[in-house]
Amino acid sequence: MVRTARCGCGQLRIACEGEPNKVSLCHCLDCQRRTGGPFGVAVFYDLALTKVDGPSVAYARDADSGFPITFHFCATCGSTVFWYPSRKPDLVAVAIGAFADPGFPGPSQEVYAQHRYAWVPPLP
């Protein structure tokens, strides 16, 4: 199975083969700012099982963990599609919403719950 995530205008895509290693819901303040929502959801795939198509612009910053992350977004529409966490160099994280698949498996973990909005329930 291959799932493809893409930006809003379709110019930047990443094809991901197989099932994800993990789906993680992040409540950190940087994910809130990046998504414009109360959390971000990252789908982790083995880097070797992905293929990027289209141009991207990169933005690097340190994560709350202190490890650098390099985000890739579309220069035309601004959508963040994927990022490379230096702490896990064999993986790529993909924004779950970029798959636009409501049937996609949900998160199995959540991190930085101390920043969870009071009205967002914890994962079961």
Protein backbone atom coordinates (compact mmCIF):
# COMPACT_ATOMS: atom_id res chain seq x y z
CA MET A 1 0.00 0.00 0.00
CA VAL A 2 1.22 3.49 -0.85
CA ARG A 3 -0.34 6.59 0.69
CA THR A 4 0.43 10.02 -0.70
CA ALA A 5 0.36 13.23 1.30
CA ARG A 6 0.37 16.57 -0.47
CA CYS A 7 0.18 20.28 0.06
CA GLY A 8 -2.94 22.34 -0.60
CA CYS A 9 -2.03 23.17 -4.21
CA GLY A 10 -0.60 19.70 -5.00
CA GLN A 11 2.90 20.77 -6.02
CA LEU A 12 4.66 19.09 -3.05
CA ARG A 13 3.97 15.41 -2.39
CA ILE A 14 5.43 12.55 -0.40
CA ALA A 15 4.51 8.93 -1.18
CA CYS A 16 4.75 6.61 1.82
CA GLU A 17 4.89 2.85 1.41
CA GLY A 18 3.33 0.45 3.92
CA GLU A 19 1.92 1.19 7.32
CA PRO A 20 3.33 3.98 9.48
CA ASN A 21 5.73 3.17 12.31
CA LYS A 22 3.77 5.41 14.63
CA VAL A 23 1.13 8.14 14.72
CA SER A 24 1.78 10.71 17.42
CA LEU A 25 -0.33 13.60 18.68
CA CYS A 26 1.82 16.51 19.88
CA HIS A 27 0.58 19.28 22.17
CA CYS A 28 3.83 21.29 22.17
CA LEU A 29 3.51 25.02 21.67
CA ASP A 30 5.52 24.92 18.44
CA CYS A 31 3.15 22.37 16.89
CA GLN A 32 0.23 24.56 17.92
CA ARG A 33 1.84 27.50 16.14
CA ARG A 34 2.80 25.41 13.09
CA THR A 35 -0.68 24.00 12.57
CA GLY A 36 -2.74 26.93 13.78
CA GLY A 37 -4.67 24.40 15.89
CA PRO A 38 -4.49 23.01 19.43
CA PHE A 39 -2.07 20.20 18.46
CA GLY A 40 -0.21 18.58 15.59
CA VAL A 41 -0.34 14.96 14.48
CA ALA A 42 2.75 13.36 12.95
CA VAL A 43 2.78 10.11 11.02
CA PHE A 44 6.23 8.50 11.13
CA TYR A 45 7.49 6.41 8.21
CA ASP A 46 10.83 4.79 7.46
CA LEU A 47 12.70 7.32 5.34
CA ALA A 48 13.74 4.60 2.89
CA LEU A 49 10.06 3.84 2.15
CA THR A 50 9.18 7.38 1.07
CA LYS A 51 9.57 9.42 -2.09
CA VAL A 52 9.29 13.19 -2.28
CA ASP A 53 8.07 14.85 -5.46
CA GLY A 54 8.04 18.58 -6.05
CA PRO A 55 9.91 21.58 -4.70
CA SER A 56 9.90 22.51 -1.04
CA VAL A 57 11.23 25.23 1.20
CA ALA A 58 12.95 24.11 4.40
CA TYR A 59 12.77 25.66 7.85
CA ALA A 60 14.89 24.28 10.71
CA ARG A 61 14.37 24.84 14.42
CA ASP A 62 15.05 23.04 17.66
CA ALA A 63 12.23 20.88 19.00
CA ASP A 64 11.13 21.04 22.63
CA SER A 65 13.43 18.02 23.07
CA GLY A 66 16.37 20.20 22.01
CA PHE A 67 17.00 18.22 18.82
CA PRO A 68 16.80 20.02 15.46
CA ILE A 69 13.86 19.40 13.11
CA THR A 70 13.77 20.44 9.46
CA PHE A 71 10.27 21.19 8.14
CA HIS A 72 9.43 21.13 4.44
CA PHE A 73 6.58 23.19 3.11
CA CYS A 74 5.26 24.32 -0.24
CA ALA A 75 6.58 27.69 -1.39
CA THR A 76 3.34 28.36 -3.29
CA CYS A 77 0.59 27.52 -0.79
CA GLY A 78 2.62 27.36 2.45
CA SER A 79 1.37 23.93 3.59
CA THR A 80 3.75 22.01 5.84
CA VAL A 81 3.81 18.47 4.44
CA PHE A 82 6.69 16.65 6.15
CA TRP A 83 9.71 17.08 8.40
CA TYR A 84 12.92 15.35 9.33
CA PRO A 85 13.53 14.90 13.07
CA SER A 86 17.30 14.70 13.65
CA ARG A 87 16.63 12.66 16.78
CA LYS A 88 15.25 9.90 14.52
CA PRO A 89 17.37 10.15 11.34
CA ASP A 90 15.89 7.01 9.73
CA LEU A 91 12.35 8.41 9.89
CA VAL A 92 10.34 11.15 8.25
CA ALA A 93 7.27 12.68 9.91
CA VAL A 94 4.30 13.56 7.72
CA ALA A 95 1.44 15.85 8.71
CA ILE A 96 -1.59 13.57 9.01
CA GLY A 97 -3.89 16.16 7.45
CA ALA A 98 -1.77 16.22 4.30
CA PHE A 99 -3.08 12.72 3.54
CA ALA A 100 -6.65 14.09 3.56
CA ASP A 101 -7.87 10.62 4.58
CA PRO A 102 -10.41 10.56 7.44
CA GLY A 103 -9.95 6.76 7.62
CA PHE A 104 -6.25 7.07 8.43
CA PRO A 105 -5.24 5.29 11.67
CA GLY A 106 -5.34 7.59 14.68
CA PRO A 107 -2.59 8.42 17.14
CA SER A 108 -1.28 5.75 19.50
CA GLN A 109 0.56 8.24 21.71
CA GLU A 110 0.46 11.87 22.73
CA VAL A 111 3.37 14.01 23.85
CA TYR A 112 3.75 17.33 25.69
CA ALA A 113 0.36 16.82 27.30
CA GLN A 114 1.20 19.57 29.80
CA HIS A 115 0.31 21.99 26.97
CA ARG A 116 -3.00 20.27 26.08
CA TYR A 117 -5.90 22.69 25.79
CA ALA A 118 -8.35 22.06 28.64
CA TRP A 119 -11.18 21.22 26.21
CA VAL A 120 -9.14 18.60 24.27
CA PRO A 121 -9.67 15.17 25.84
CA PRO A 122 -6.63 12.93 26.39
CA LEU A 123 -6.20 9.86 24.22
CA PRO A 124 -7.87 6.77 25.68
